Amino acid sequence: MAIEPDARTLSIVVPVYNSDEALPKLIARLEPVLAEHSDAYEVILVDDCSHTDTWRVIEDLAATREWLLGVRLMRNYGQHNALLCGIRRARYDIIVTLDDDLQNPPEEIPKLLAQLDQGHDVVYGTPLREQHGLWRDMASRITKVALSGGMGAETALKVSAFRAFRSRVRAAFANYPGPFVSIDVLLTWGTNRFVSVPVRHDARQDGESNYTVRRLIVHALNMMTGFSVVPLQIASLVGFAFTIVGILILGFVLGRYLLEGTSVPGFPFLASIVAIFSGAQLFALGIIGEYLARMHFRSMEQPAYTVEATTARDVPIADTGEPGRE
């Protein structure tokens, strides 16, 4: 059953990195869409410590638009950490996140809002056809498979950076600490009403993507070890499987001795068995080590981000990124 919004208010959160050329075009296309489909709106641009003139461009844009807020982080924390910063600062009922490179067309935002009006809490804009290279697409699929383990939902295979959700959902992760952030997993802490809708996905017009294959793989590993016990379960299965293999090998050795009166000859056979079992043990220890490393970093209480400056005159600059300090 559709829910008719009495007054729709939107917060647009955009993580920004080295996008000084694309930002003016993005804001120019966002403004008419927001004016038509909302009663009040704001745009939050979170600069993830760009190396170009991006922050100057954000300051210039904010100087003539009272509904635009710029936030600059102290160092490069990553896309999801920058998103968390912007999401925590959002003031309105619906939060929309999208990339800064215009691959997520602002004109597609009404499609996401229409699905929210149907009673969903989180809506993903799934690209009809992604405009990435082969390796980037493969890395993206690996990330989504890893995300499905952390989210525990089929929607994980359709997630994208283009999403809309009700701001009340963020209450579930308002006190989330630590440097490892996955917005998509955190959203599952607050709701299970997810849906996806096909949207247009344009080719990048300016510059090159900063989300490399390596970053996607690292993000996938962080999600698997930070928000899921699947790797530990895999390690347990590997250990169980090699235990069965060991029992079968023992049966083979004993059977040969009883039937033929001779043992299995040869150093290569013994060496290969030792190598296989040693590899399985090191694999399991490596996974356990990754979890211990995550626990170590969280025990250090390292913040998800730290704000260096904002374009707002009435907002304190000091922001450690810790829960309850914004």
Foldseek 3Di string as FASTA:
>chain_A
DFADDPFAEEEEEEEDAPQLPQQVVQCVQQVVLCVVPGPYYAYEYEYQPYPDCNVVSLLVVCVVPVRYKYFYFPHRLDDQLSRLVSLVVDDGFKYWYDYRQCQAPSVCVVVQVRVVRRVFFKEAAAEPDAPDDPLQVVLVQLLLVLVCQLLVDPCSNRHDRTMMGTSVLCVQCLQPFFQQDDPNSSSSSRDDRYYYDYDHGDHGDDDDDPCDSVNSNVNSVSSNLVRHCVLLVVLVVLVVVLVVVVVVVVVVQVVCCVPVVDGDDDPVVVVVNVVVVVVSVVSNVVSVVSNVVRVVRVVVRQGNTFTQDMSDPPDDRGDRNGRPRD
